[in-house]
Amino acid sequence: MNLLEEIIEYKKAEVIQARAMVPLDELLVKPNFKKAVKSFSASIKNGNGIIAEFKRKSPSAGQFNKCLIDDVLNTYKNKEVAGVSVLTDDHYFAGNLNDLEKASNLNFAPVLRKDFIIDEYQIFEAKAYGADAILLIAEALDDYHATYLATIAKSIGLEVLMEFHGASELHKLNENVDVIGINNRNLKTLKTDVRTAFDLIRKLPYDRLKIAESGISSEFEIQELLKVGYEGFLIGESLLKDQDLLNGFNRTIANFKSSDYAY
């Protein structure tokens, strides 16, 4: 069993437990469930394109030292990021739904719930804790659930980022997906290779919003990815280690938008 399969099996049991502890009807009456949703995709298009991530640890990088959520979120707010991605998985990433709610309540950018979403309950849970968008991982879903879960999300006002790791998954893209994400991290081996984003861009619909994820740590990488058609970047590990990188990323994106490459 590879890591992704292990996580999905654990998540199945976790969802059953969550349903028992907090029934769906309790989620529907939470204040955030009725809150107006901010457009994740519009913020990427109109802002700097950076979706900055918060997580406390990861299977690939281990623990992030001195990673305090209040400090990190305030930095992201001051740097005017286009969105915030919050890891809510506890077992593998030490996240929780309270982190999601805290980011949402600061109300400075759309918030993405990043988790291994395999069940509609998690989508209602996401909205109840203030998410504006959810992540769906194509590799973790069969064809039916890739469409079904995206449809459920859209029906309650959430936007959908669908993440792909290879060309063989792209048939799962559907009309309810607002943002296409290409993840440079192989979820089975945890290795990252930015060439994944460059290789797959030619296979993606030209008229859909596209972002690159994972393994992005330099202004040069961002500049080259912008040139081939990516409009946003989901960045976690490098920013959690050095949030000052946002200054250079912002400068690179601003320069690109004012250059001859932008059209």
C-alpha atoms as a PDB file:
ATOM      1  CA  MET A   1       0.000   0.000   0.000  1.00  0.00           C
ATOM      2  CA  ASN A   2       1.467   3.377  -1.011  1.00  0.00           C
ATOM      3  CA  LEU A   3       1.104   6.525   1.093  1.00  0.00           C
ATOM      4  CA  LEU A   4      -1.919   7.888  -0.782  1.00  0.00           C
ATOM      5  CA  GLU A   5      -3.775   4.591  -0.383  1.00  0.00           C
ATOM      6  CA  GLU A   6      -2.883   4.550   3.305  1.00  0.00           C
ATOM      7  CA  ILE A   7      -4.178   8.097   3.792  1.00  0.00           C
ATOM      8  CA  ILE A   8      -7.441   7.351   1.971  1.00  0.00           C
ATOM      9  CA  GLU A   9      -8.106   4.268   4.104  1.00  0.00           C
ATOM     10  CA  TYR A  10      -7.472   6.290   7.254  1.00  0.00           C
ATOM     11  CA  LYS A  11      -9.712   9.083   5.956  1.00  0.00           C
ATOM     12  CA  LYS A  12     -12.635   6.704   5.375  1.00  0.00           C
ATOM     13  CA  ALA A  13     -12.628   5.736   9.049  1.00  0.00           C
ATOM     14  CA  GLU A  14     -12.154   9.351  10.098  1.00  0.00           C
ATOM     15  CA  VAL A  15     -15.213  10.517   8.133  1.00  0.00           C
ATOM     16  CA  ILE A  16     -17.395   7.837   9.738  1.00  0.00           C
ATOM     17  CA  GLN A  17     -16.278   9.053  13.163  1.00  0.00           C
ATOM     18  CA  ALA A  18     -16.836  12.711  12.261  1.00  0.00           C
ATOM     19  CA  ARG A  19     -20.390  12.010  11.042  1.00  0.00           C
ATOM     20  CA  ALA A  20     -21.162  10.309  14.346  1.00  0.00           C
ATOM     21  CA  MET A  21     -19.750  13.158  16.436  1.00  0.00           C
ATOM     22  CA  VAL A  22     -21.247  16.070  14.457  1.00  0.00           C
ATOM     23  CA  PRO A  23     -24.315  15.132  12.385  1.00  0.00           C
ATOM     24  CA  LEU A  24     -24.881  16.902   9.090  1.00  0.00           C
ATOM     25  CA  ASP A  25     -27.815  18.935  10.409  1.00  0.00           C
ATOM     26  CA  GLU A  26     -25.526  20.512  13.017  1.00  0.00           C
ATOM     27  CA  LEU A  27     -23.153  21.658  10.285  1.00  0.00           C
ATOM     28  CA  LEU A  28     -25.978  23.292   8.362  1.00  0.00           C
ATOM     29  CA  VAL A  29     -26.822  25.678  11.219  1.00  0.00           C
ATOM     30  CA  LYS A  30     -23.281  26.870  11.918  1.00  0.00           C
ATOM     31  CA  PRO A  31     -22.909  30.648  11.283  1.00  0.00           C
ATOM     32  CA  ASN A  32     -20.215  30.216   8.626  1.00  0.00           C
ATOM     33  CA  PHE A  33     -22.457  27.952   6.563  1.00  0.00           C
ATOM     34  CA  LYS A  34     -24.629  30.934   5.684  1.00  0.00           C
ATOM     35  CA  LYS A  35     -21.740  33.346   5.177  1.00  0.00           C
ATOM     36  CA  ALA A  36     -21.200  34.838   1.717  1.00  0.00           C
ATOM     37  CA  VAL A  37     -18.533  32.955  -0.221  1.00  0.00           C
ATOM     38  CA  LYS A  38     -15.593  34.772  -1.834  1.00  0.00           C
ATOM     39  CA  SER A  39     -14.549  33.711  -5.325  1.00  0.00           C
ATOM     40  CA  PHE A  40     -11.301  31.754  -5.167  1.00  0.00           C
ATOM     41  CA  SER A  41     -10.825  31.779  -8.938  1.00  0.00           C
ATOM     42  CA  ALA A  42     -11.501  35.519  -9.338  1.00  0.00           C
ATOM     43  CA  SER A  43      -9.023  36.328  -6.591  1.00  0.00           C
ATOM     44  CA  ILE A  44      -6.319  34.329  -8.381  1.00  0.00           C
ATOM     45  CA  LYS A  45      -7.029  36.066 -11.691  1.00  0.00           C
ATOM     46  CA  ASN A  46      -7.233  39.567 -10.244  1.00  0.00           C
ATOM     47  CA  GLY A  47      -4.589  39.323  -7.531  1.00  0.00           C
ATOM     48  CA  ASN A  48      -0.977  38.190  -7.361  1.00  0.00           C
ATOM     49  CA  GLY A  49      -1.897  34.538  -7.973  1.00  0.00           C
ATOM     50  CA  ILE A  50      -0.208  33.251  -4.810  1.00  0.00           C
ATOM     51  CA  ILE A  51      -2.175  30.754  -2.732  1.00  0.00           C
ATOM     52  CA  ALA A  52      -0.124  30.595   0.447  1.00  0.00           C
ATOM     53  CA  GLU A  53      -0.454  27.465   2.544  1.00  0.00           C
ATOM     54  CA  PHE A  54      -0.538  26.814   6.268  1.00  0.00           C
ATOM     55  CA  LYS A  55       0.334  23.422   7.695  1.00  0.00           C
ATOM     56  CA  ARG A  56       2.273  22.307  10.758  1.00  0.00           C
ATOM     57  CA  LYS A  57       3.964  19.264   9.311  1.00  0.00           C
ATOM     58  CA  SER A  58       3.939  16.997   6.287  1.00  0.00           C
ATOM     59  CA  PRO A  59       4.989  13.410   5.561  1.00  0.00           C
ATOM     60  CA  SER A  60       7.732  14.693   3.250  1.00  0.00           C
ATOM     61  CA  ALA A  61       9.151  17.617   5.273  1.00  0.00           C
ATOM     62  CA  GLY A  62       8.323  16.659   8.852  1.00  0.00           C
ATOM     63  CA  GLN A  63       7.578  19.358  11.425  1.00  0.00           C
ATOM     64  CA  PHE A  64       7.788  23.033  10.509  1.00  0.00           C
ATOM     65  CA  ASN A  65       9.493  24.725  13.443  1.00  0.00           C
ATOM     66  CA  LYS A  66       8.051  27.953  14.883  1.00  0.00           C
ATOM     67  CA  CYS A  67       5.047  27.620  12.585  1.00  0.00           C
ATOM     68  CA  LEU A  68       2.418  29.542  14.561  1.00  0.00           C
ATOM     69  CA  ILE A  69      -0.833  30.011  12.698  1.00  0.00           C
ATOM     70  CA  ASP A  70      -1.528  33.570  13.895  1.00  0.00           C
ATOM     71  CA  ASP A  71       1.907  34.785  12.829  1.00  0.00           C
ATOM     72  CA  VAL A  72       1.767  33.010   9.471  1.00  0.00           C
ATOM     73  CA  LEU A  73      -1.732  34.225   8.614  1.00  0.00           C
ATOM     74  CA  ASN A  74      -0.886  37.809   9.540  1.00  0.00           C
ATOM     75  CA  THR A  75       2.142  37.679   7.238  1.00  0.00           C
ATOM     76  CA  TYR A  76      -0.003  36.346   4.407  1.00  0.00           C
ATOM     77  CA  LYS A  77      -2.537  39.096   5.077  1.00  0.00           C
ATOM     78  CA  ASN A  78       0.133  41.812   4.984  1.00  0.00           C
ATOM     79  CA  LYS A  79       1.553  40.441   1.722  1.00  0.00           C
ATOM     80  CA  GLU A  80      -1.941  40.465   0.152  1.00  0.00           C
ATOM     81  CA  VAL A  81      -1.898  36.877  -1.094  1.00  0.00           C
ATOM     82  CA  ALA A  82      -4.651  35.824  -3.500  1.00  0.00           C
ATOM     83  CA  GLY A  83      -5.757  32.919  -1.339  1.00  0.00           C
ATOM     84  CA  VAL A  84      -4.939  30.843   1.710  1.00  0.00           C
ATOM     85  CA  SER A  85      -4.747  27.063   1.681  1.00  0.00           C
ATOM     86  CA  VAL A  86      -5.298  25.431   5.066  1.00  0.00           C
ATOM     87  CA  LEU A  87      -4.436  21.782   5.704  1.00  0.00           C
ATOM     88  CA  THR A  88      -7.168  20.342   7.894  1.00  0.00           C
ATOM     89  CA  ASP A  89      -5.894  16.756   8.095  1.00  0.00           C
ATOM     90  CA  ASP A  90      -4.812  15.977  11.656  1.00  0.00           C
ATOM     91  CA  HIS A  91      -3.126  12.584  11.426  1.00  0.00           C
ATOM     92  CA  TYR A  92      -0.587  13.389   8.704  1.00  0.00           C
ATOM     93  CA  PHE A  93      -0.411  17.212   8.740  1.00  0.00           C
ATOM     94  CA  ALA A  94      -1.388  18.199  12.330  1.00  0.00           C
ATOM     95  CA  GLY A  95      -4.171  20.413  10.992  1.00  0.00           C
ATOM     96  CA  ASN A  96      -7.759  20.892  12.085  1.00  0.00           C
ATOM     97  CA  LEU A  97     -10.981  22.641  11.164  1.00  0.00           C
ATOM     98  CA  ASN A  98     -10.355  25.380  13.716  1.00  0.00           C
ATOM     99  CA  ASP A  99      -7.350  26.473  11.622  1.00  0.00           C
ATOM    100  CA  LEU A 100      -9.676  26.765   8.634  1.00  0.00           C
ATOM    101  CA  GLU A 101     -12.170  28.811  10.621  1.00  0.00           C
ATOM    102  CA  LYS A 102      -9.465  31.102  11.954  1.00  0.00           C
ATOM    103  CA  ALA A 103      -8.220  31.862   8.439  1.00  0.00           C
ATOM    104  CA  SER A 104     -11.773  32.461   7.265  1.00  0.00           C
ATOM    105  CA  ASN A 105     -12.608  34.809  10.119  1.00  0.00           C
ATOM    106  CA  LEU A 106      -9.640  37.042   9.264  1.00  0.00           C
ATOM    107  CA  ASN A 107     -11.533  37.672   6.009  1.00  0.00           C
ATOM    108  CA  PHE A 108      -8.651  38.947   3.881  1.00  0.00           C
ATOM    109  CA  ALA A 109      -8.582  36.326   1.098  1.00  0.00           C
ATOM    110  CA  PRO A 110     -10.574  33.299  -0.079  1.00  0.00           C
ATOM    111  CA  VAL A 111      -9.782  30.182   1.929  1.00  0.00           C
ATOM    112  CA  LEU A 112      -9.246  26.726   0.459  1.00  0.00           C
ATOM    113  CA  ARG A 113      -9.844  23.617   2.536  1.00  0.00           C
ATOM    114  CA  LYS A 114      -6.994  21.305   1.606  1.00  0.00           C
ATOM    115  CA  ASP A 115      -7.595  17.735   2.684  1.00  0.00           C
ATOM    116  CA  PHE A 116      -8.202  14.306   1.226  1.00  0.00           C
ATOM    117  CA  ILE A 117     -11.866  14.803   0.405  1.00  0.00           C
ATOM    118  CA  ILE A 118     -13.603  11.546  -0.449  1.00  0.00           C
ATOM    119  CA  ASP A 119     -17.094  12.086   0.973  1.00  0.00           C
ATOM    120  CA  GLU A 120     -19.789  14.751   0.614  1.00  0.00           C
ATOM    121  CA  TYR A 121     -19.832  15.194   4.402  1.00  0.00           C
ATOM    122  CA  GLN A 122     -16.383  16.795   4.231  1.00  0.00           C
ATOM    123  CA  ILE A 123     -17.692  19.370   1.754  1.00  0.00           C
ATOM    124  CA  PHE A 124     -20.501  20.472   4.068  1.00  0.00           C
ATOM    125  CA  GLU A 125     -17.945  20.468   6.886  1.00  0.00           C
ATOM    126  CA  ALA A 126     -15.693  22.749   4.820  1.00  0.00           C
ATOM    127  CA  LYS A 127     -18.415  25.337   4.315  1.00  0.00           C
ATOM    128  CA  ALA A 128     -19.509  25.145   7.965  1.00  0.00           C
ATOM    129  CA  TYR A 129     -15.997  26.147   9.013  1.00  0.00           C
ATOM    130  CA  GLY A 130     -15.664  29.001   6.546  1.00  0.00           C
ATOM    131  CA  ALA A 131     -14.085  27.595   3.383  1.00  0.00           C
ATOM    132  CA  ASP A 132     -14.645  29.355   0.069  1.00  0.00           C
ATOM    133  CA  ALA A 133     -13.240  26.486  -1.988  1.00  0.00           C
ATOM    134  CA  ILE A 134     -12.249  22.855  -1.630  1.00  0.00           C
ATOM    135  CA  LEU A 135      -9.472  20.718  -3.064  1.00  0.00           C
ATOM    136  CA  LEU A 136     -10.361  17.516  -4.883  1.00  0.00           C
ATOM    137  CA  ILE A 137      -7.465  15.188  -5.722  1.00  0.00           C
ATOM    138  CA  ALA A 138      -8.194  13.395  -8.998  1.00  0.00           C
ATOM    139  CA  GLU A 139      -5.853  10.535  -8.154  1.00  0.00           C
ATOM    140  CA  ALA A 140      -7.793   9.832  -4.948  1.00  0.00           C
ATOM    141  CA  LEU A 141     -11.198   9.660  -6.667  1.00  0.00           C
ATOM    142  CA  ASP A 142     -12.851   7.408  -9.200  1.00  0.00           C
ATOM    143  CA  ASP A 143     -14.540   8.963 -12.228  1.00  0.00           C
ATOM    144  CA  TYR A 144     -17.963   9.099 -10.584  1.00  0.00           C
ATOM    145  CA  HIS A 145     -16.828  10.767  -7.360  1.00  0.00           C
ATOM    146  CA  ALA A 146     -14.626  13.287  -9.195  1.00  0.00           C
ATOM    147  CA  THR A 147     -17.779  14.665 -10.809  1.00  0.00           C
ATOM    148  CA  TYR A 148     -20.209  13.987  -7.956  1.00  0.00           C
ATOM    149  CA  LEU A 149     -18.181  15.744  -5.259  1.00  0.00           C
ATOM    150  CA  ALA A 150     -17.468  18.734  -7.498  1.00  0.00           C
ATOM    151  CA  THR A 151     -21.201  19.003  -8.200  1.00  0.00           C
ATOM    152  CA  ILE A 152     -22.054  18.903  -4.492  1.00  0.00           C
ATOM    153  CA  ALA A 153     -19.521  21.649  -3.764  1.00  0.00           C
ATOM    154  CA  LYS A 154     -20.923  23.920  -6.463  1.00  0.00           C
ATOM    155  CA  SER A 155     -24.476  23.287  -5.270  1.00  0.00           C
ATOM    156  CA  ILE A 156     -23.688  24.875  -1.890  1.00  0.00           C
ATOM    157  CA  GLY A 157     -21.659  27.748  -3.341  1.00  0.00           C
ATOM    158  CA  LEU A 158     -18.100  26.481  -2.954  1.00  0.00           C
ATOM    159  CA  GLU A 159     -15.551  26.651  -5.755  1.00  0.00           C
ATOM    160  CA  VAL A 160     -13.479  23.622  -6.717  1.00  0.00           C
ATOM    161  CA  LEU A 161      -9.750  23.242  -7.260  1.00  0.00           C
ATOM    162  CA  MET A 162      -9.119  19.854  -8.850  1.00  0.00           C
ATOM    163  CA  GLU A 163      -5.573  18.606  -8.613  1.00  0.00           C
ATOM    164  CA  PHE A 164      -3.872  16.381 -11.172  1.00  0.00           C
ATOM    165  CA  HIS A 165      -0.545  14.572 -11.127  1.00  0.00           C
ATOM    166  CA  GLY A 166      -0.491  12.963 -14.554  1.00  0.00           C
ATOM    167  CA  ALA A 167      -2.102  12.955 -17.984  1.00  0.00           C
ATOM    168  CA  SER A 168      -3.990   9.728 -17.242  1.00  0.00           C
ATOM    169  CA  GLU A 169      -6.159  11.592 -14.692  1.00  0.00           C
ATOM    170  CA  LEU A 170      -7.218  14.497 -16.898  1.00  0.00           C
ATOM    171  CA  HIS A 171     -10.414  12.827 -18.134  1.00  0.00           C
ATOM    172  CA  LYS A 172     -11.825  13.438 -14.627  1.00  0.00           C
ATOM    173  CA  LEU A 173     -11.916  17.191 -15.268  1.00  0.00           C
ATOM    174  CA  ASN A 174     -15.539  18.361 -15.371  1.00  0.00           C
ATOM    175  CA  GLU A 175     -17.601  21.522 -15.784  1.00  0.00           C
ATOM    176  CA  ASN A 176     -17.862  22.121 -12.025  1.00  0.00           C
ATOM    177  CA  VAL A 177     -14.098  22.580 -11.636  1.00  0.00           C
ATOM    178  CA  ASP A 178     -13.137  26.251 -11.319  1.00  0.00           C
ATOM    179  CA  VAL A 179      -9.361  25.872 -11.107  1.00  0.00           C
ATOM    180  CA  ILE A 180      -7.068  23.189 -12.510  1.00  0.00           C
ATOM    181  CA  GLY A 181      -4.081  22.438 -10.304  1.00  0.00           C
ATOM    182  CA  ILE A 182      -1.005  20.538 -11.430  1.00  0.00           C
ATOM    183  CA  ASN A 183       0.804  19.117  -8.427  1.00  0.00           C
ATOM    184  CA  ASN A 184       4.517  18.547  -8.913  1.00  0.00           C
ATOM    185  CA  ARG A 185       4.606  16.160  -5.943  1.00  0.00           C
ATOM    186  CA  ASN A 186       4.111  12.474  -6.597  1.00  0.00           C
ATOM    187  CA  LEU A 187       1.739  11.417  -3.808  1.00  0.00           C
ATOM    188  CA  LYS A 188       3.015   7.845  -3.922  1.00  0.00           C
ATOM    189  CA  THR A 189       6.731   8.620  -3.590  1.00  0.00           C
ATOM    190  CA  LEU A 190       6.499  12.217  -2.191  1.00  0.00           C
ATOM    191  CA  LYS A 191       9.179  13.349  -4.633  1.00  0.00           C
ATOM    192  CA  THR A 192       8.691  16.696  -6.391  1.00  0.00           C
ATOM    193  CA  ASP A 193       9.636  17.591  -9.931  1.00  0.00           C
ATOM    194  CA  VAL A 194       8.598  20.970 -11.353  1.00  0.00           C
ATOM    195  CA  ARG A 195       8.925  19.515 -14.838  1.00  0.00           C
ATOM    196  CA  THR A 196       5.530  17.884 -14.209  1.00  0.00           C
ATOM    197  CA  ALA A 197       3.837  21.275 -14.549  1.00  0.00           C
ATOM    198  CA  PHE A 198       5.759  22.082 -17.733  1.00  0.00           C
ATOM    199  CA  ASP A 199       5.004  18.673 -19.265  1.00  0.00           C
ATOM    200  CA  LEU A 200       1.260  18.748 -18.555  1.00  0.00           C
ATOM    201  CA  ILE A 201       0.487  22.348 -19.545  1.00  0.00           C
ATOM    202  CA  ARG A 202       0.257  21.298 -23.203  1.00  0.00           C
ATOM    203  CA  LYS A 203      -2.477  18.802 -22.350  1.00  0.00           C
ATOM    204  CA  LEU A 204      -4.698  21.259 -20.445  1.00  0.00           C
ATOM    205  CA  PRO A 205      -7.601  23.300 -21.879  1.00  0.00           C
ATOM    206  CA  TYR A 206      -6.222  26.678 -22.888  1.00  0.00           C
ATOM    207  CA  ASP A 207      -9.304  28.534 -21.625  1.00  0.00           C
ATOM    208  CA  ARG A 208      -9.344  27.157 -18.060  1.00  0.00           C
ATOM    209  CA  LEU A 209      -7.647  28.763 -15.048  1.00  0.00           C
ATOM    210  CA  LYS A 210      -4.507  26.811 -14.191  1.00  0.00           C
ATOM    211  CA  ILE A 211      -2.176  26.847 -11.184  1.00  0.00           C
ATOM    212  CA  ALA A 212       1.020  24.967 -10.338  1.00  0.00           C
ATOM    213  CA  GLU A 213       1.507  23.379  -6.938  1.00  0.00           C
ATOM    214  CA  SER A 214       4.391  22.043  -4.813  1.00  0.00           C
ATOM    215  CA  GLY A 215       8.149  22.302  -5.187  1.00  0.00           C
ATOM    216  CA  ILE A 216       8.080  25.979  -6.173  1.00  0.00           C
ATOM    217  CA  SER A 217      10.736  27.930  -4.325  1.00  0.00           C
ATOM    218  CA  SER A 218      12.295  30.502  -6.656  1.00  0.00           C
ATOM    219  CA  GLU A 219      11.367  33.581  -8.642  1.00  0.00           C
ATOM    220  CA  PHE A 220      12.832  31.958 -11.749  1.00  0.00           C
ATOM    221  CA  GLU A 221      10.453  28.987 -11.490  1.00  0.00           C
ATOM    222  CA  ILE A 222       7.479  31.307 -11.118  1.00  0.00           C
ATOM    223  CA  GLN A 223       8.557  33.394 -14.090  1.00  0.00           C
ATOM    224  CA  GLU A 224       8.946  30.349 -16.336  1.00  0.00           C
ATOM    225  CA  LEU A 225       5.615  28.866 -15.228  1.00  0.00           C
ATOM    226  CA  LEU A 226       3.870  32.163 -15.942  1.00  0.00           C
ATOM    227  CA  LYS A 227       5.346  32.143 -19.452  1.00  0.00           C
ATOM    228  CA  VAL A 228       3.799  28.782 -20.308  1.00  0.00           C
ATOM    229  CA  GLY A 229       0.327  29.702 -19.063  1.00  0.00           C
ATOM    230  CA  TYR A 230      -0.032  29.215 -15.307  1.00  0.00           C
ATOM    231  CA  GLU A 231      -1.813  32.067 -13.541  1.00  0.00           C
ATOM    232  CA  GLY A 232      -1.371  31.004  -9.942  1.00  0.00           C
ATOM    233  CA  PHE A 233       0.808  29.041  -7.559  1.00  0.00           C
ATOM    234  CA  LEU A 234      -0.018  27.077  -4.433  1.00  0.00           C
ATOM    235  CA  ILE A 235       3.077  27.316  -2.256  1.00  0.00           C
ATOM    236  CA  GLY A 236       3.518  25.829   1.189  1.00  0.00           C
ATOM    237  CA  GLU A 237       6.851  24.429   2.306  1.00  0.00           C
ATOM    238  CA  SER A 238       9.130  27.183   0.981  1.00  0.00           C
ATOM    239  CA  LEU A 239       6.930  29.964   2.412  1.00  0.00           C
ATOM    240  CA  LEU A 240       6.596  28.276   5.794  1.00  0.00           C
ATOM    241  CA  LYS A 241      10.382  28.156   5.983  1.00  0.00           C
ATOM    242  CA  ASP A 242      10.881  31.724   4.715  1.00  0.00           C
ATOM    243  CA  GLN A 243       7.867  34.022   4.374  1.00  0.00           C
ATOM    244  CA  ASP A 244      10.101  36.807   3.035  1.00  0.00           C
ATOM    245  CA  LEU A 245      10.116  34.904  -0.267  1.00  0.00           C
ATOM    246  CA  LEU A 246       6.714  36.470  -0.890  1.00  0.00           C
ATOM    247  CA  ASN A 247       8.397  39.804  -1.604  1.00  0.00           C
ATOM    248  CA  GLY A 248      10.298  38.364  -4.544  1.00  0.00           C
ATOM    249  CA  PHE A 249       7.360  36.304  -5.773  1.00  0.00           C
ATOM    250  CA  ASN A 250       5.116  39.372  -5.775  1.00  0.00           C
ATOM    251  CA  ARG A 251       7.734  41.383  -7.646  1.00  0.00           C
ATOM    252  CA  THR A 252       8.206  38.668 -10.273  1.00  0.00           C
ATOM    253  CA  ILE A 253       4.470  38.351 -10.914  1.00  0.00           C
ATOM    254  CA  ALA A 254       3.976  42.131 -11.103  1.00  0.00           C
ATOM    255  CA  ASN A 255       6.851  42.435 -13.587  1.00  0.00           C
ATOM    256  CA  PHE A 256       5.429  39.639 -15.709  1.00  0.00           C
ATOM    257  CA  LYS A 257       1.981  41.206 -15.849  1.00  0.00           C
ATOM    258  CA  SER A 258       3.485  44.434 -17.137  1.00  0.00           C
ATOM    259  CA  SER A 259       5.734  42.681 -19.681  1.00  0.00           C
ATOM    260  CA  ASP A 260       5.289  41.644 -23.305  1.00  0.00           C
ATOM    261  CA  TYR A 261       4.639  38.050 -22.196  1.00  0.00           C
ATOM    262  CA  ALA A 262       1.325  38.975 -20.566  1.00  0.00           C
ATOM    263  CA  TYR A 263      -1.638  39.178 -22.898  1.00  0.00           C
END
